[in-house]
């Protein structure tokens, strides 16, 4: 485990960056906001990170109280990493960083990787209410856990049960919503988002 580097400044921002300022750390947090993840799953969804760096960052996060590691009982019998309560407190930090970084998105470059669930945090900001929303893009599916006060705030893949609403849209629409160029209300009204389901959330989205 690498020794923690410090800015040696008596400033809360500097202290925070001592813990989460290393490259990849906040992106690992983004992935773990979906709940427990195996090392192999993290590596697959963090294209560009080396195995050595990922292992080092996870150890640092355990040391700093941001994440824990545990063994799932059979039949899973796999080791997973998950955020602690302190790690989950980074959600608004990532949301604010994502909102600030929208101006940097520009056009998608040929070398840019994309995962469907990377749009989870922007959509969490864009949809009001509480409940489970299943989202389908061409790149894959994920689900949002709106109003979750503890534990995961989104998950990869379809919702584990019947969601309160299902949304079908494309990456261009997700990006426009993330940039603030298009509200979810207008996206639904313009037919750029297909909403199905009989839950309160689905009805609210259709009635926007």
Foldseek 3Di string as FASTA:
>chain_A
DDDQDFPPDPDVVRVVCSQQVDPPRVVLLLVQLQPWDALVVSPVVDPPDDSVRSVVSLVSCVVVQQKDWDADDPPVRGITIHGDPVNVVCLVVVLVVLLVCLVVCPDDDPPDDDAPCVLQSLVLVQADDAWKEWEDEPRAIKIAGHPDPDGHGIHGHGDPDDTLKYKYAYPVVSSCSSNVVDHLQRCVVVVRIDIDHDHPRSVVSNVD
